[in-house]
Amino acid sequence: RATTAFVAAATYAPTLADSGILIIFNHANSNLTLPSINSTGYEGVQFTVFNNTGSAINAQIAVQNSATINGGAASSSDDIASYKAATFIVTGNNTWARIG
């Protein structure tokens, strides 16, 4: 991995150029806003989130410009259990896929 971002009680908002970062949530109020994808050519951009908070995170992953995660709104696709990880990968214009 190119880098690791440790997120406390804040929102982390990487850019598409930050692809590959491992994002570790260390606080129950950690949040992630996935970047906007307004064109094709970014397929494969990815971010992995590891929940190190000790409790499940719910509705703490957001997207810009009404993008979807696995075909739905971000809030219905982003729960990550305690000490588990999920990878979010660009699959097309304004489309993210959640793996894990």
PDB file of N, CA and C in Angstrom:
ATOM      1  N   ARG A   1       0.839  -1.182   0.000  1.00  0.00           N
ATOM      2  CA  ARG A   1       0.000   0.000   0.000  1.00  0.00           C
ATOM      3  C   ARG A   1       0.884   1.245   0.000  1.00  0.00           C
ATOM      4  N   ALA A   2       0.437   2.229  -0.721  1.00  0.00           N
ATOM      5  CA  ALA A   2       1.196   3.466  -0.810  1.00  0.00           C
ATOM      6  C   ALA A   2       1.196   4.206   0.516  1.00  0.00           C
ATOM      7  N   THR A   3       0.088   4.158   1.222  1.00  0.00           N
ATOM      8  CA  THR A   3      -0.026   4.939   2.446  1.00  0.00           C
ATOM      9  C   THR A   3      -1.155   4.408   3.302  1.00  0.00           C
ATOM     10  N   THR A   4      -1.156   4.785   4.551  1.00  0.00           N
ATOM     11  CA  THR A   4      -2.233   4.446   5.477  1.00  0.00           C
ATOM     12  C   THR A   4      -2.735   5.737   6.085  1.00  0.00           C
ATOM     13  N   ALA A   5      -4.046   5.903   6.134  1.00  0.00           N
ATOM     14  CA  ALA A   5      -4.656   7.077   6.763  1.00  0.00           C
ATOM     15  C   ALA A   5      -5.400   6.619   8.005  1.00  0.00           C
ATOM     16  N   PHE A   6      -5.041   7.175   9.146  1.00  0.00           N
ATOM     17  CA  PHE A   6      -5.722   6.887  10.394  1.00  0.00           C
ATOM     18  C   PHE A   6      -6.725   8.001  10.640  1.00  0.00           C
ATOM     19  N   VAL A   7      -8.008   7.637  10.762  1.00  0.00           N
ATOM     20  CA  VAL A   7      -9.067   8.640  10.864  1.00  0.00           C
ATOM     21  C   VAL A   7      -9.663   8.601  12.259  1.00  0.00           C
ATOM     22  N   ALA A   8      -9.576   9.713  12.971  1.00  0.00           N
ATOM     23  CA  ALA A   8     -10.174   9.844  14.295  1.00  0.00           C
ATOM     24  C   ALA A   8     -11.611  10.323  14.120  1.00  0.00           C
ATOM     25  N   ALA A   9     -12.081  11.187  14.974  1.00  0.00           N
ATOM     26  CA  ALA A   9     -13.451  11.699  14.902  1.00  0.00           C
ATOM     27  C   ALA A   9     -13.513  12.805  13.859  1.00  0.00           C
ATOM     28  N   ALA A  10     -13.396  12.426  12.598  1.00  0.00           N
ATOM     29  CA  ALA A  10     -13.344  13.389  11.508  1.00  0.00           C
ATOM     30  C   ALA A  10     -13.796  12.708  10.231  1.00  0.00           C
ATOM     31  N   THR A  11     -13.927  13.510   9.162  1.00  0.00           N
ATOM     32  CA  THR A  11     -14.246  12.978   7.845  1.00  0.00           C
ATOM     33  C   THR A  11     -12.995  13.003   6.989  1.00  0.00           C
ATOM     34  N   TYR A  12     -12.698  11.879   6.375  1.00  0.00           N
ATOM     35  CA  TYR A  12     -11.567  11.768   5.464  1.00  0.00           C
ATOM     36  C   TYR A  12     -12.124  11.748   4.047  1.00  0.00           C
ATOM     37  N   ALA A  13     -11.594  12.608   3.171  1.00  0.00           N
ATOM     38  CA  ALA A  13     -12.099  12.726   1.804  1.00  0.00           C
ATOM     39  C   ALA A  13     -10.927  12.655   0.818  1.00  0.00           C
ATOM     40  N   PRO A  14     -10.509  11.446   0.440  1.00  0.00           N
ATOM     41  CA  PRO A  14      -9.401  11.317  -0.507  1.00  0.00           C
ATOM     42  C   PRO A  14      -9.828  11.728  -1.916  1.00  0.00           C
ATOM     43  N   THR A  15      -8.844  11.950  -2.779  1.00  0.00           N
ATOM     44  CA  THR A  15      -9.109  12.212  -4.186  1.00  0.00           C
ATOM     45  C   THR A  15      -8.888  10.917  -4.969  1.00  0.00           C
ATOM     46  N   LEU A  16      -9.267  10.903  -6.233  1.00  0.00           N
ATOM     47  CA  LEU A  16      -9.037   9.721  -7.069  1.00  0.00           C
ATOM     48  C   LEU A  16      -7.558   9.397  -7.175  1.00  0.00           C
ATOM     49  N   ALA A  17      -6.707  10.414  -7.108  1.00  0.00           N
ATOM     50  CA  ALA A  17      -5.260  10.206  -7.192  1.00  0.00           C
ATOM     51  C   ALA A  17      -4.707   9.489  -5.959  1.00  0.00           C
ATOM     52  N   ASP A  18      -5.495   9.423  -4.878  1.00  0.00           N
ATOM     53  CA  ASP A  18      -5.071   8.752  -3.646  1.00  0.00           C
ATOM     54  C   ASP A  18      -5.369   7.261  -3.657  1.00  0.00           C
ATOM     55  N   SER A  19      -5.765   6.721  -4.777  1.00  0.00           N
ATOM     56  CA  SER A  19      -6.142   5.314  -4.891  1.00  0.00           C
ATOM     57  C   SER A  19      -5.127   4.392  -4.218  1.00  0.00           C
ATOM     58  N   GLY A  20      -5.647   3.375  -3.516  1.00  0.00           N
ATOM     59  CA  GLY A  20      -4.803   2.385  -2.873  1.00  0.00           C
ATOM     60  C   GLY A  20      -4.560   2.623  -1.404  1.00  0.00           C
ATOM     61  N   ILE A  21      -5.028   3.739  -0.884  1.00  0.00           N
ATOM     62  CA  ILE A  21      -4.811   4.045   0.527  1.00  0.00           C
ATOM     63  C   ILE A  21      -5.620   3.093   1.404  1.00  0.00           C
ATOM     64  N   LEU A  22      -4.995   2.620   2.474  1.00  0.00           N
ATOM     65  CA  LEU A  22      -5.691   1.868   3.512  1.00  0.00           C
ATOM     66  C   LEU A  22      -6.171   2.886   4.532  1.00  0.00           C
ATOM     67  N   ILE A  23      -7.472   2.918   4.763  1.00  0.00           N
ATOM     68  CA  ILE A  23      -8.080   3.886   5.678  1.00  0.00           C
ATOM     69  C   ILE A  23      -8.504   3.148   6.934  1.00  0.00           C
ATOM     70  N   ILE A  24      -7.930   3.514   8.068  1.00  0.00           N
ATOM     71  CA  ILE A  24      -8.251   2.860   9.329  1.00  0.00           C
ATOM     72  C   ILE A  24      -9.084   3.801  10.173  1.00  0.00           C
ATOM     73  N   PHE A  25     -10.322   3.373  10.451  1.00  0.00           N
ATOM     74  CA  PHE A  25     -11.202   4.137  11.337  1.00  0.00           C
ATOM     75  C   PHE A  25     -10.828   3.795  12.776  1.00  0.00           C
ATOM     76  N   ASN A  26     -10.412   4.803  13.537  1.00  0.00           N
ATOM     77  CA  ASN A  26     -10.007   4.603  14.927  1.00  0.00           C
ATOM     78  C   ASN A  26     -11.002   5.173  15.928  1.00  0.00           C
ATOM     79  N   HIS A  27     -12.109   5.706  15.467  1.00  0.00           N
ATOM     80  CA  HIS A  27     -13.073   6.348  16.364  1.00  0.00           C
ATOM     81  C   HIS A  27     -14.480   6.093  15.849  1.00  0.00           C
ATOM     82  N   ALA A  28     -15.437   5.984  16.754  1.00  0.00           N
ATOM     83  CA  ALA A  28     -16.827   5.730  16.370  1.00  0.00           C
ATOM     84  C   ALA A  28     -17.389   6.823  15.471  1.00  0.00           C
ATOM     85  N   ASN A  29     -16.783   8.005  15.475  1.00  0.00           N
ATOM     86  CA  ASN A  29     -17.250   9.106  14.633  1.00  0.00           C
ATOM     87  C   ASN A  29     -16.358   9.342  13.416  1.00  0.00           C
ATOM     88  N   SER A  30     -15.593   8.328  13.012  1.00  0.00           N
ATOM     89  CA  SER A  30     -14.803   8.412  11.782  1.00  0.00           C
ATOM     90  C   SER A  30     -15.743   8.317  10.582  1.00  0.00           C
ATOM     91  N   ASN A  31     -15.452   9.072   9.537  1.00  0.00           N
ATOM     92  CA  ASN A  31     -16.271   9.069   8.322  1.00  0.00           C
ATOM     93  C   ASN A  31     -15.374   9.098   7.094  1.00  0.00           C
ATOM     94  N   LEU A  32     -15.908   8.590   5.987  1.00  0.00           N
ATOM     95  CA  LEU A  32     -15.209   8.612   4.706  1.00  0.00           C
ATOM     96  C   LEU A  32     -16.156   9.135   3.642  1.00  0.00           C
ATOM     97  N   THR A  33     -15.683  10.072   2.826  1.00  0.00           N
ATOM     98  CA  THR A  33     -16.417  10.514   1.650  1.00  0.00           C
ATOM     99  C   THR A  33     -15.613  10.109   0.425  1.00  0.00           C
ATOM    100  N   LEU A  34     -16.160   9.146  -0.331  1.00  0.00           N
ATOM    101  CA  LEU A  34     -15.495   8.694  -1.551  1.00  0.00           C
ATOM    102  C   LEU A  34     -15.550   9.789  -2.603  1.00  0.00           C
ATOM    103  N   PRO A  35     -14.504   9.946  -3.403  1.00  0.00           N
ATOM    104  CA  PRO A  35     -14.467  11.044  -4.366  1.00  0.00           C
ATOM    105  C   PRO A  35     -15.436  10.876  -5.535  1.00  0.00           C
ATOM    106  N   SER A  36     -15.665  11.976  -6.196  1.00  0.00           N
ATOM    107  CA  SER A  36     -16.529  12.027  -7.373  1.00  0.00           C
ATOM    108  C   SER A  36     -15.867  11.326  -8.549  1.00  0.00           C
ATOM    109  N   ILE A  37     -16.692  10.645  -9.355  1.00  0.00           N
ATOM    110  CA  ILE A  37     -16.223   9.998 -10.579  1.00  0.00           C
ATOM    111  C   ILE A  37     -17.115  10.492 -11.703  1.00  0.00           C
ATOM    112  N   ASN A  38     -16.725  11.548 -12.373  1.00  0.00           N
ATOM    113  CA  ASN A  38     -17.588  12.144 -13.382  1.00  0.00           C
ATOM    114  C   ASN A  38     -17.239  11.757 -14.803  1.00  0.00           C
ATOM    115  N   SER A  39     -16.422  10.720 -14.958  1.00  0.00           N
ATOM    116  CA  SER A  39     -16.095  10.253 -16.302  1.00  0.00           C
ATOM    117  C   SER A  39     -15.592   8.825 -16.216  1.00  0.00           C
ATOM    118  N   THR A  40     -15.443   8.195 -17.352  1.00  0.00           N
ATOM    119  CA  THR A  40     -14.870   6.853 -17.387  1.00  0.00           C
ATOM    120  C   THR A  40     -13.349   6.963 -17.350  1.00  0.00           C
ATOM    121  N   GLY A  41     -12.674   5.851 -17.234  1.00  0.00           N
ATOM    122  CA  GLY A  41     -11.221   5.848 -17.213  1.00  0.00           C
ATOM    123  C   GLY A  41     -10.640   5.721 -15.816  1.00  0.00           C
ATOM    124  N   TYR A  42     -11.479   5.688 -14.803  1.00  0.00           N
ATOM    125  CA  TYR A  42     -10.999   5.556 -13.431  1.00  0.00           C
ATOM    126  C   TYR A  42     -11.303   4.180 -12.844  1.00  0.00           C
ATOM    127  N   GLU A  43     -11.749   3.246 -13.677  1.00  0.00           N
ATOM    128  CA  GLU A  43     -12.042   1.916 -13.202  1.00  0.00           C
ATOM    129  C   GLU A  43     -10.808   1.336 -12.522  1.00  0.00           C
ATOM    130  N   GLY A  44     -11.000   0.742 -11.357  1.00  0.00           N
ATOM    131  CA  GLY A  44      -9.896   0.169 -10.605  1.00  0.00           C
ATOM    132  C   GLY A  44      -9.399   1.036  -9.465  1.00  0.00           C
ATOM    133  N   VAL A  45      -9.766   2.324  -9.443  1.00  0.00           N
ATOM    134  CA  VAL A  45      -9.428   3.151  -8.283  1.00  0.00           C
ATOM    135  C   VAL A  45     -10.077   2.510  -7.065  1.00  0.00           C
ATOM    136  N   GLN A  46      -9.328   2.396  -5.975  1.00  0.00           N
ATOM    137  CA  GLN A  46      -9.878   1.693  -4.822  1.00  0.00           C
ATOM    138  C   GLN A  46      -9.384   2.245  -3.494  1.00  0.00           C
ATOM    139  N   PHE A  47     -10.220   2.059  -2.485  1.00  0.00           N
ATOM    140  CA  PHE A  47      -9.893   2.415  -1.115  1.00  0.00           C
ATOM    141  C   PHE A  47     -10.381   1.294  -0.212  1.00  0.00           C
ATOM    142  N   THR A  48      -9.548   0.879   0.724  1.00  0.00           N
ATOM    143  CA  THR A  48      -9.942  -0.143   1.686  1.00  0.00           C
ATOM    144  C   THR A  48     -10.109   0.519   3.042  1.00  0.00           C
ATOM    145  N   VAL A  49     -11.238   0.217   3.692  1.00  0.00           N
ATOM    146  CA  VAL A  49     -11.547   0.765   5.008  1.00  0.00           C
ATOM    147  C   VAL A  49     -11.502  -0.375   6.020  1.00  0.00           C
ATOM    148  N   PHE A  50     -10.720  -0.198   7.078  1.00  0.00           N
ATOM    149  CA  PHE A  50     -10.678  -1.162   8.173  1.00  0.00           C
ATOM    150  C   PHE A  50     -11.297  -0.521   9.399  1.00  0.00           C
ATOM    151  N   ASN A  51     -12.282  -1.184   9.984  1.00  0.00           N
ATOM    152  CA  ASN A  51     -12.977  -0.671  11.157  1.00  0.00           C
ATOM    153  C   ASN A  51     -12.244  -1.131  12.413  1.00  0.00           C
ATOM    154  N   ASN A  52     -11.518  -0.226  13.029  1.00  0.00           N
ATOM    155  CA  ASN A  52     -10.753  -0.501  14.244  1.00  0.00           C
ATOM    156  C   ASN A  52     -11.393   0.165  15.459  1.00  0.00           C
ATOM    157  N   THR A  53     -12.706   0.412  15.396  1.00  0.00           N
ATOM    158  CA  THR A  53     -13.379   1.174  16.450  1.00  0.00           C
ATOM    159  C   THR A  53     -13.882   0.322  17.606  1.00  0.00           C
ATOM    160  N   GLY A  54     -14.042  -0.970  17.407  1.00  0.00           N
ATOM    161  CA  GLY A  54     -14.596  -1.819  18.448  1.00  0.00           C
ATOM    162  C   GLY A  54     -16.099  -1.975  18.360  1.00  0.00           C
ATOM    163  N   SER A  55     -16.737  -1.280  17.409  1.00  0.00           N
ATOM    164  CA  SER A  55     -18.180  -1.436  17.187  1.00  0.00           C
ATOM    165  C   SER A  55     -18.463  -1.252  15.703  1.00  0.00           C
ATOM    166  N   ALA A  56     -19.630  -1.685  15.262  1.00  0.00           N
ATOM    167  CA  ALA A  56     -19.978  -1.566  13.847  1.00  0.00           C
ATOM    168  C   ALA A  56     -20.089  -0.100  13.445  1.00  0.00           C
ATOM    169  N   ILE A  57     -19.703   0.192  12.211  1.00  0.00           N
ATOM    170  CA  ILE A  57     -19.921   1.535  11.677  1.00  0.00           C
ATOM    171  C   ILE A  57     -21.107   1.457  10.727  1.00  0.00           C
ATOM    172  N   ASN A  58     -22.002   2.410  10.848  1.00  0.00           N
ATOM    173  CA  ASN A  58     -23.224   2.448  10.052  1.00  0.00           C
ATOM    174  C   ASN A  58     -23.407   3.852   9.497  1.00  0.00           C
ATOM    175  N   ALA A  59     -23.695   3.950   8.211  1.00  0.00           N
ATOM    176  CA  ALA A  59     -23.973   5.233   7.557  1.00  0.00           C
ATOM    177  C   ALA A  59     -22.820   6.219   7.717  1.00  0.00           C
ATOM    178  N   GLN A  60     -21.591   5.725   7.658  1.00  0.00           N
ATOM    179  CA  GLN A  60     -20.437   6.600   7.799  1.00  0.00           C
ATOM    180  C   GLN A  60     -19.579   6.655   6.535  1.00  0.00           C
ATOM    181  N   ILE A  61     -20.054   6.000   5.467  1.00  0.00           N
ATOM    182  CA  ILE A  61     -19.400   6.094   4.163  1.00  0.00           C
ATOM    183  C   ILE A  61     -20.334   6.894   3.270  1.00  0.00           C
ATOM    184  N   ALA A  62     -19.821   7.953   2.680  1.00  0.00           N
ATOM    185  CA  ALA A  62     -20.618   8.795   1.795  1.00  0.00           C
ATOM    186  C   ALA A  62     -19.934   8.877   0.435  1.00  0.00           C
ATOM    187  N   VAL A  63     -20.676   9.310  -0.569  1.00  0.00           N
ATOM    188  CA  VAL A  63     -20.129   9.516  -1.910  1.00  0.00           C
ATOM    189  C   VAL A  63     -20.473  10.913  -2.385  1.00  0.00           C
ATOM    190  N   GLN A  64     -19.696  11.425  -3.316  1.00  0.00           N
ATOM    191  CA  GLN A  64     -19.978  12.721  -3.917  1.00  0.00           C
ATOM    192  C   GLN A  64     -20.805  12.544  -5.182  1.00  0.00           C
ATOM    193  N   ASN A  65     -21.589  13.547  -5.536  1.00  0.00           N
ATOM    194  CA  ASN A  65     -22.332  13.618  -6.802  1.00  0.00           C
ATOM    195  C   ASN A  65     -23.280  12.448  -7.033  1.00  0.00           C
ATOM    196  N   SER A  66     -23.949  11.991  -5.986  1.00  0.00           N
ATOM    197  CA  SER A  66     -24.986  10.951  -6.098  1.00  0.00           C
ATOM    198  C   SER A  66     -24.485   9.647  -6.692  1.00  0.00           C
ATOM    199  N   ALA A  67     -23.218   9.342  -6.518  1.00  0.00           N
ATOM    200  CA  ALA A  67     -22.702   8.054  -6.978  1.00  0.00           C
ATOM    201  C   ALA A  67     -23.372   6.942  -6.179  1.00  0.00           C
ATOM    202  N   THR A  68     -23.306   5.735  -6.700  1.00  0.00           N
ATOM    203  CA  THR A  68     -23.900   4.596  -6.011  1.00  0.00           C
ATOM    204  C   THR A  68     -22.820   3.638  -5.535  1.00  0.00           C
ATOM    205  N   ILE A  69     -23.187   2.826  -4.554  1.00  0.00           N
ATOM    206  CA  ILE A  69     -22.338   1.733  -4.090  1.00  0.00           C
ATOM    207  C   ILE A  69     -23.158   0.466  -4.267  1.00  0.00           C
ATOM    208  N   ASN A  70     -22.661  -0.448  -5.098  1.00  0.00           N
ATOM    209  CA  ASN A  70     -23.388  -1.686  -5.419  1.00  0.00           C
ATOM    210  C   ASN A  70     -24.812  -1.401  -5.881  1.00  0.00           C
ATOM    211  N   GLY A  71     -24.982  -0.338  -6.654  1.00  0.00           N
ATOM    212  CA  GLY A  71     -26.270  -0.032  -7.262  1.00  0.00           C
ATOM    213  C   GLY A  71     -27.260   0.687  -6.380  1.00  0.00           C
ATOM    214  N   GLY A  72     -26.876   1.067  -5.159  1.00  0.00           N
ATOM    215  CA  GLY A  72     -27.810   1.742  -4.266  1.00  0.00           C
ATOM    216  C   GLY A  72     -27.182   2.954  -3.612  1.00  0.00           C
ATOM    217  N   ALA A  73     -27.962   3.598  -2.785  1.00  0.00           N
ATOM    218  CA  ALA A  73     -27.474   4.764  -2.054  1.00  0.00           C
ATOM    219  C   ALA A  73     -26.371   4.334  -1.081  1.00  0.00           C
ATOM    220  N   ALA A  74     -25.450   5.223  -0.820  1.00  0.00           N
ATOM    221  CA  ALA A  74     -24.319   4.894   0.044  1.00  0.00           C
ATOM    222  C   ALA A  74     -24.759   4.435   1.424  1.00  0.00           C
ATOM    223  N   SER A  75     -25.742   5.054   1.997  1.00  0.00           N
ATOM    224  CA  SER A  75     -26.115   4.728   3.378  1.00  0.00           C
ATOM    225  C   SER A  75     -26.626   3.304   3.533  1.00  0.00           C
ATOM    226  N   SER A  76     -27.083   2.696   2.466  1.00  0.00           N
ATOM    227  CA  SER A  76     -27.574   1.325   2.563  1.00  0.00           C
ATOM    228  C   SER A  76     -26.502   0.300   2.224  1.00  0.00           C
ATOM    229  N   SER A  77     -25.293   0.764   1.928  1.00  0.00           N
ATOM    230  CA  SER A  77     -24.263  -0.149   1.435  1.00  0.00           C
ATOM    231  C   SER A  77     -22.968  -0.118   2.235  1.00  0.00           C
ATOM    232  N   ASP A  78     -22.937   0.605   3.348  1.00  0.00           N
ATOM    233  CA  ASP A  78     -21.634   0.897   3.936  1.00  0.00           C
ATOM    234  C   ASP A  78     -21.365   0.318   5.311  1.00  0.00           C
ATOM    235  N   ASP A  79     -22.247  -0.473   5.891  1.00  0.00           N
ATOM    236  CA  ASP A  79     -21.990  -0.996   7.226  1.00  0.00           C
ATOM    237  C   ASP A  79     -20.754  -1.893   7.216  1.00  0.00           C
ATOM    238  N   ILE A  80     -19.892  -1.715   8.208  1.00  0.00           N
ATOM    239  CA  ILE A  80     -18.697  -2.548   8.340  1.00  0.00           C
ATOM    240  C   ILE A  80     -18.614  -2.974   9.801  1.00  0.00           C
ATOM    241  N   ALA A  81     -18.617  -4.269  10.035  1.00  0.00           N
ATOM    242  CA  ALA A  81     -18.569  -4.787  11.396  1.00  0.00           C
ATOM    243  C   ALA A  81     -17.227  -4.471  12.048  1.00  0.00           C
ATOM    244  N   SER A  82     -17.208  -4.528  13.360  1.00  0.00           N
ATOM    245  CA  SER A  82     -15.999  -4.277  14.124  1.00  0.00           C
ATOM    246  C   SER A  82     -14.876  -5.220  13.700  1.00  0.00           C
ATOM    247  N   TYR A  83     -13.682  -4.658  13.499  1.00  0.00           N
ATOM    248  CA  TYR A  83     -12.478  -5.385  13.114  1.00  0.00           C
ATOM    249  C   TYR A  83     -12.629  -6.115  11.783  1.00  0.00           C
ATOM    250  N   LYS A  84     -13.436  -5.551  10.894  1.00  0.00           N
ATOM    251  CA  LYS A  84     -13.611  -6.065   9.535  1.00  0.00           C
ATOM    252  C   LYS A  84     -13.230  -4.957   8.553  1.00  0.00           C
ATOM    253  N   ALA A  85     -13.070  -5.341   7.297  1.00  0.00           N
ATOM    254  CA  ALA A  85     -12.687  -4.379   6.272  1.00  0.00           C
ATOM    255  C   ALA A  85     -13.601  -4.491   5.065  1.00  0.00           C
ATOM    256  N   ALA A  86     -13.662  -3.426   4.295  1.00  0.00           N
ATOM    257  CA  ALA A  86     -14.369  -3.416   3.019  1.00  0.00           C
ATOM    258  C   ALA A  86     -13.544  -2.589   2.047  1.00  0.00           C
ATOM    259  N   THR A  87     -13.515  -3.030   0.798  1.00  0.00           N
ATOM    260  CA  THR A  87     -12.836  -2.280  -0.248  1.00  0.00           C
ATOM    261  C   THR A  87     -13.886  -1.682  -1.165  1.00  0.00           C
ATOM    262  N   PHE A  88     -13.706  -0.422  -1.506  1.00  0.00           N
ATOM    263  CA  PHE A  88     -14.585   0.281  -2.430  1.00  0.00           C
ATOM    264  C   PHE A  88     -13.788   0.535  -3.695  1.00  0.00           C
ATOM    265  N   ILE A  89     -14.317   0.061  -4.837  1.00  0.00           N
ATOM    266  CA  ILE A  89     -13.591   0.130  -6.107  1.00  0.00           C
ATOM    267  C   ILE A  89     -14.482   0.754  -7.175  1.00  0.00           C
ATOM    268  N   VAL A  90     -13.897   1.617  -7.999  1.00  0.00           N
ATOM    269  CA  VAL A  90     -14.633   2.248  -9.095  1.00  0.00           C
ATOM    270  C   VAL A  90     -14.855   1.214 -10.192  1.00  0.00           C
ATOM    271  N   THR A  91     -16.112   1.082 -10.623  1.00  0.00           N
ATOM    272  CA  THR A  91     -16.438   0.167 -11.723  1.00  0.00           C
ATOM    273  C   THR A  91     -16.977   0.892 -12.941  1.00  0.00           C
ATOM    274  N   GLY A  92     -17.211   2.191 -12.843  1.00  0.00           N
ATOM    275  CA  GLY A  92     -17.718   2.974 -13.964  1.00  0.00           C
ATOM    276  C   GLY A  92     -18.051   4.382 -13.529  1.00  0.00           C
ATOM    277  N   ASN A  93     -18.617   5.153 -14.427  1.00  0.00           N
ATOM    278  CA  ASN A  93     -18.974   6.538 -14.142  1.00  0.00           C
ATOM    279  C   ASN A  93     -19.975   6.611 -12.986  1.00  0.00           C
ATOM    280  N   ASN A  94     -19.587   7.303 -11.916  1.00  0.00           N
ATOM    281  CA  ASN A  94     -20.417   7.477 -10.716  1.00  0.00           C
ATOM    282  C   ASN A  94     -20.839   6.162 -10.078  1.00  0.00           C
ATOM    283  N   THR A  95     -20.017   5.140 -10.209  1.00  0.00           N
ATOM    284  CA  THR A  95     -20.356   3.822  -9.695  1.00  0.00           C
ATOM    285  C   THR A  95     -19.203   3.227  -8.894  1.00  0.00           C
ATOM    286  N   TRP A  96     -19.484   2.917  -7.644  1.00  0.00           N
ATOM    287  CA  TRP A  96     -18.548   2.212  -6.768  1.00  0.00           C
ATOM    288  C   TRP A  96     -19.089   0.819  -6.488  1.00  0.00           C
ATOM    289  N   ALA A  97     -18.202  -0.138  -6.309  1.00  0.00           N
ATOM    290  CA  ALA A  97     -18.583  -1.473  -5.859  1.00  0.00           C
ATOM    291  C   ALA A  97     -17.936  -1.696  -4.507  1.00  0.00           C
ATOM    292  N   ARG A  98     -18.686  -2.299  -3.595  1.00  0.00           N
ATOM    293  CA  ARG A  98     -18.158  -2.638  -2.260  1.00  0.00           C
ATOM    294  C   ARG A  98     -17.819  -4.115  -2.264  1.00  0.00           C
ATOM    295  N   ILE A  99     -16.582  -4.438  -1.897  1.00  0.00           N
ATOM    296  CA  ILE A  99     -16.130  -5.804  -1.806  1.00  0.00           C
ATOM    297  C   ILE A  99     -15.797  -6.070  -0.342  1.00  0.00           C
ATOM    298  N   GLY A 100     -16.383  -7.085   0.230  1.00  0.00           N
ATOM    299  CA  GLY A 100     -16.125  -7.422   1.639  1.00  0.00           C
ATOM    300  C   GLY A 100     -17.111  -6.815   2.576  1.00  0.00           C
TER     301      GLY A 100
END
